[in-house]
């Protein structure tokens, strides 16, 4: 699954690339270049026929019965965990958002990372679209009581470029498919849940350590 991506472009540049606007007077958070689950990231959603850039928390909050029971035994309140990747869009957890165009969004991404190497010594391998400075990752969003508006990225099976690192990859949308993802039928968006062409991607292995995210809140990561 994808647990790290980056977007180093400015809001103005993302707005130009995605034909979107943003509220220059709004108090958007100071978005980090590297986005991890549980942190805020940029999304593009459609509102009254116009695309807007907003900041949301990456990950739908989830509290299972087991989590709640363990917390109650310890005299604590269960903390939700961010479900940051969506796989089965027909499942009850995702379909209420996926089947509703209002709850779909585009996630601007420059590149995403997967871990490579031995346990304890893993490094980051970055994947990007060769001819796009920022590409659109198919996303879903919804309001939440815990973290406000939240989003998740949709996954599919890996192509030949990503498969050596992981068996899944983000659903990368061609520019012509942005509108279909935002406003198409449920069957139409299911048809878009396909691996992107491997020959159109750039793979960048690095010596960067995989670690670097300290949530401070015990937010483990889930994908469903």
Protein backbone atom coordinates (compact mmCIF):
# COMPACT_ATOMS: atom_id res chain seq x y z
CA UNK A 1 0.00 0.00 0.00
CA UNK A 2 1.00 3.62 -0.35
CA UNK A 3 1.88 5.26 2.98
CA UNK A 4 4.00 8.15 1.71
CA UNK A 5 3.79 10.59 -1.16
CA UNK A 6 4.99 14.10 -1.87
CA UNK A 7 3.80 17.21 -3.65
CA UNK A 8 6.30 20.04 -3.70
CA UNK A 9 4.36 22.30 -6.05
CA UNK A 10 2.70 25.44 -4.75
CA UNK A 11 -1.06 25.79 -4.39
CA UNK A 12 -1.04 28.17 -7.34
CA UNK A 13 0.77 25.64 -9.54
CA UNK A 14 -1.54 22.79 -8.53
CA UNK A 15 -4.54 25.05 -9.20
CA UNK A 16 -3.22 25.71 -12.72
CA UNK A 17 -2.52 22.04 -13.45
CA UNK A 18 -5.91 20.86 -12.16
CA UNK A 19 -8.02 23.78 -13.40
CA UNK A 20 -9.00 24.48 -9.81
CA UNK A 21 -9.29 27.45 -7.47
CA UNK A 22 -8.44 27.90 -3.82
CA UNK A 23 -9.50 30.40 -1.19
CA UNK A 24 -6.51 32.69 -0.69
CA UNK A 25 -8.09 34.02 2.50
CA UNK A 26 -8.70 30.59 4.02
CA UNK A 27 -6.45 29.39 6.83
CA UNK A 28 -5.04 26.36 5.01
CA UNK A 29 -2.55 24.43 7.14
CA UNK A 30 1.15 24.55 6.37
CA UNK A 31 1.15 21.47 4.17
CA UNK A 32 4.31 19.38 4.32
CA UNK A 33 6.04 18.26 1.14
CA UNK A 34 5.94 14.67 2.38
CA UNK A 35 2.48 13.41 3.31
CA UNK A 36 1.97 10.49 5.69
CA UNK A 37 -1.32 8.94 6.90
CA UNK A 38 -2.97 11.01 9.61
CA UNK A 39 -1.48 14.27 8.29
CA UNK A 40 -3.13 16.95 6.11
CA UNK A 41 -2.75 16.89 2.35
CA UNK A 42 -4.17 18.67 -0.68
CA UNK A 43 -7.24 17.38 -2.47
CA UNK A 44 -9.19 18.72 -5.43
CA UNK A 45 -12.95 18.27 -5.18
CA UNK A 46 -15.86 19.65 -7.16
CA UNK A 47 -18.28 22.06 -5.53
CA UNK A 48 -21.22 23.51 -7.48
CA UNK A 49 -19.57 22.61 -10.75
CA UNK A 50 -16.19 24.17 -9.93
CA UNK A 51 -13.02 22.45 -8.78
CA UNK A 52 -11.50 23.63 -5.52
CA UNK A 53 -8.30 22.80 -3.65
CA UNK A 54 -8.81 22.02 0.01
CA UNK A 55 -6.79 20.51 2.85
CA UNK A 56 -8.00 17.31 4.50
CA UNK A 57 -6.54 14.63 6.75
CA UNK A 58 -5.24 11.54 4.95
CA UNK A 59 -7.15 8.51 6.23
CA UNK A 60 -10.75 7.62 7.10
CA UNK A 61 -10.93 7.10 10.89
CA UNK A 62 -11.68 3.54 11.99
CA UNK A 63 -12.35 2.12 15.46
CA UNK A 64 -12.99 -1.63 15.51
CA UNK A 65 -14.79 -3.55 18.26
CA UNK A 66 -11.48 -5.11 19.24
CA UNK A 67 -9.81 -1.70 19.52
CA UNK A 68 -12.67 -0.40 21.63
CA UNK A 69 -12.61 -3.44 23.91
CA UNK A 70 -8.85 -3.21 24.48
CA UNK A 71 -9.12 0.48 25.28
CA UNK A 72 -11.99 -0.07 27.72
CA UNK A 73 -10.01 -2.78 29.52
CA UNK A 74 -7.19 -0.28 29.95
CA UNK A 75 -9.56 2.45 31.10
CA UNK A 76 -8.93 4.51 27.98
CA UNK A 77 -10.84 5.80 24.98
CA UNK A 78 -10.03 4.02 21.71
CA UNK A 79 -8.14 6.19 19.26
CA UNK A 80 -9.17 5.80 15.61
CA UNK A 81 -6.68 4.62 13.02
CA UNK A 82 -6.48 6.15 9.54
CA UNK A 83 -7.57 3.86 6.73
CA UNK A 84 -5.63 5.63 4.03
CA UNK A 85 -5.97 3.28 1.06
CA UNK A 86 -9.19 1.98 -0.53
CA UNK A 87 -9.14 -1.33 -2.39
CA UNK A 88 -12.60 -2.88 -2.62
CA UNK A 89 -14.87 0.01 -3.63
CA UNK A 90 -17.94 -2.25 -3.48
CA UNK A 91 -17.42 -2.94 0.22
CA UNK A 92 -19.79 -1.21 2.66
CA UNK A 93 -16.88 0.78 4.12
CA UNK A 94 -16.16 2.52 0.79
CA UNK A 95 -19.23 2.29 -1.43
CA UNK A 96 -21.18 5.08 0.29
CA UNK A 97 -18.39 7.43 -0.82
CA UNK A 98 -17.39 5.78 -4.10
CA UNK A 99 -20.94 5.62 -5.47
CA UNK A 100 -21.55 9.30 -4.68
CA UNK A 101 -19.81 11.77 -7.03
CA UNK A 102 -19.92 14.41 -4.30
CA UNK A 103 -17.56 12.24 -2.23
CA UNK A 104 -14.92 11.76 -4.94
CA UNK A 105 -11.76 13.82 -5.25
CA UNK A 106 -8.41 14.07 -7.01
CA UNK A 107 -5.24 13.83 -4.94
CA UNK A 108 -2.36 15.86 -6.47
CA UNK A 109 0.83 13.78 -6.26
CA UNK A 110 4.34 14.43 -7.54
CA UNK A 111 5.60 10.96 -6.60
CA UNK A 112 4.78 8.13 -4.19
CA UNK A 113 7.19 5.89 -2.29
CA UNK A 114 7.46 2.20 -1.46
CA UNK A 115 9.94 0.54 0.87
CA UNK A 116 12.83 -1.50 -0.56
CA UNK A 117 15.52 -3.58 1.11
CA UNK A 118 15.92 -5.63 4.26
CA UNK A 119 13.92 -5.09 7.44
CA UNK A 120 15.50 -2.37 9.56
CA UNK A 121 17.44 -1.04 6.57
CA UNK A 122 14.64 -0.23 4.15
CA UNK A 123 14.99 2.72 1.82
CA UNK A 124 12.56 4.73 -0.28
CA UNK A 125 11.93 4.05 -3.95
CA UNK A 126 9.93 6.85 -5.58
CA UNK A 127 7.52 6.40 -8.48
CA UNK A 128 6.27 9.22 -10.70
CA UNK A 129 4.60 9.80 -14.07
CA UNK A 130 7.31 10.73 -16.52
CA UNK A 131 5.55 13.53 -18.40
CA UNK A 132 3.43 14.95 -15.56
CA UNK A 133 4.97 17.19 -12.86
CA UNK A 134 1.90 16.40 -10.71
CA UNK A 135 -0.52 13.57 -11.44
CA UNK A 136 -4.00 12.81 -10.12
CA UNK A 137 -4.49 9.90 -7.72
CA UNK A 138 -8.14 8.83 -7.61
CA UNK A 139 -9.50 9.67 -4.17
CA UNK A 140 -12.56 9.57 -1.91
CA UNK A 141 -13.43 11.93 0.91
CA UNK A 142 -16.01 12.38 3.65
CA UNK A 143 -16.57 14.45 6.79
CA UNK A 144 -15.61 12.83 10.09
CA UNK A 145 -16.32 13.64 13.73
CA UNK A 146 -12.72 12.89 14.72
CA UNK A 147 -10.56 14.78 12.20
CA UNK A 148 -12.90 16.92 10.12
CA UNK A 149 -12.87 16.25 6.39
CA UNK A 150 -10.74 13.20 5.52
CA UNK A 151 -9.64 11.49 2.31
CA UNK A 152 -8.26 8.17 1.08
CA UNK A 153 -6.54 7.07 -2.12
CA UNK A 154 -7.86 4.26 -4.31
CA UNK A 155 -5.53 1.35 -5.05
CA UNK A 156 -5.26 -1.27 -7.77
CA UNK A 157 -2.88 -4.10 -8.66
CA UNK A 158 0.68 -3.02 -9.40
CA UNK A 159 2.05 -2.61 -12.90
CA UNK A 160 5.43 -3.99 -13.96
CA UNK A 161 7.26 -0.88 -12.72
CA UNK A 162 5.83 -1.01 -9.17
CA UNK A 163 5.47 -4.78 -8.73
CA UNK A 164 9.08 -5.38 -7.55
CA UNK A 165 8.33 -3.09 -4.57
CA UNK A 166 4.66 -3.86 -3.85
CA UNK A 167 1.72 -5.76 -5.30
CA UNK A 168 -0.54 -2.68 -5.19
CA UNK A 169 -0.26 0.86 -6.52
CA UNK A 170 -2.35 4.05 -6.56
CA UNK A 171 -4.99 4.45 -9.27
CA UNK A 172 -3.32 7.10 -11.43
CA UNK A 173 -5.77 8.94 -13.66
CA UNK A 174 -4.98 10.16 -17.15
CA UNK A 175 -5.87 13.81 -17.60
CA UNK A 176 -8.86 12.87 -19.79
CA UNK A 177 -10.23 10.74 -16.94
CA UNK A 178 -10.32 13.43 -14.24
CA UNK A 179 -13.87 14.44 -15.11
CA UNK A 180 -15.06 10.83 -15.34
CA UNK A 181 -13.68 10.05 -11.90
CA UNK A 182 -15.35 13.08 -10.35
CA UNK A 183 -18.74 12.76 -12.04
CA UNK A 184 -19.06 9.35 -13.68
CA UNK A 185 -21.30 6.48 -12.64
CA UNK A 186 -20.15 3.87 -10.14
CA UNK A 187 -19.53 1.39 -12.97
CA UNK A 188 -17.49 4.00 -14.85
CA UNK A 189 -15.17 4.64 -11.93
CA UNK A 190 -14.76 0.91 -11.28
CA UNK A 191 -13.49 0.65 -14.87
CA UNK A 192 -10.84 3.27 -14.04
CA UNK A 193 -9.44 1.12 -11.21
CA UNK A 194 -6.66 -0.20 -13.42
CA UNK A 195 -2.84 -0.08 -13.23
CA UNK A 196 -1.23 2.85 -15.02
CA UNK A 197 1.04 2.09 -17.97
CA UNK A 198 4.43 1.06 -16.59
CA UNK A 199 6.31 2.49 -19.57
CA UNK A 200 4.93 5.94 -18.72
CA UNK A 201 6.42 5.89 -15.21
CA UNK A 202 9.82 6.79 -13.76
CA UNK A 203 11.34 4.69 -10.95
CA UNK A 204 13.84 6.39 -8.64
CA UNK A 205 15.55 4.10 -6.08
CA UNK A 206 17.26 6.11 -3.34
CA UNK A 207 19.36 5.65 -0.22
CA UNK A 208 16.83 7.65 1.84
CA UNK A 209 15.82 5.70 4.98
CA UNK A 210 12.22 4.57 4.88
CA UNK A 211 11.46 5.91 8.38
CA UNK A 212 10.83 9.47 9.35
CA UNK A 213 7.20 9.57 10.42
CA UNK A 214 6.48 9.87 14.13
CA UNK A 215 2.76 10.38 14.64
CA UNK A 216 2.94 10.77 18.40
CA UNK A 217 -0.62 9.48 18.54
CA UNK A 218 -0.24 5.76 18.02
CA UNK A 219 -2.00 5.86 14.67
CA UNK A 220 -1.29 2.51 13.03
CA UNK A 221 -2.03 2.18 9.33
CA UNK A 222 -4.78 0.20 7.64
CA UNK A 223 -5.82 -0.53 4.07
CA UNK A 224 -9.11 -2.09 3.06
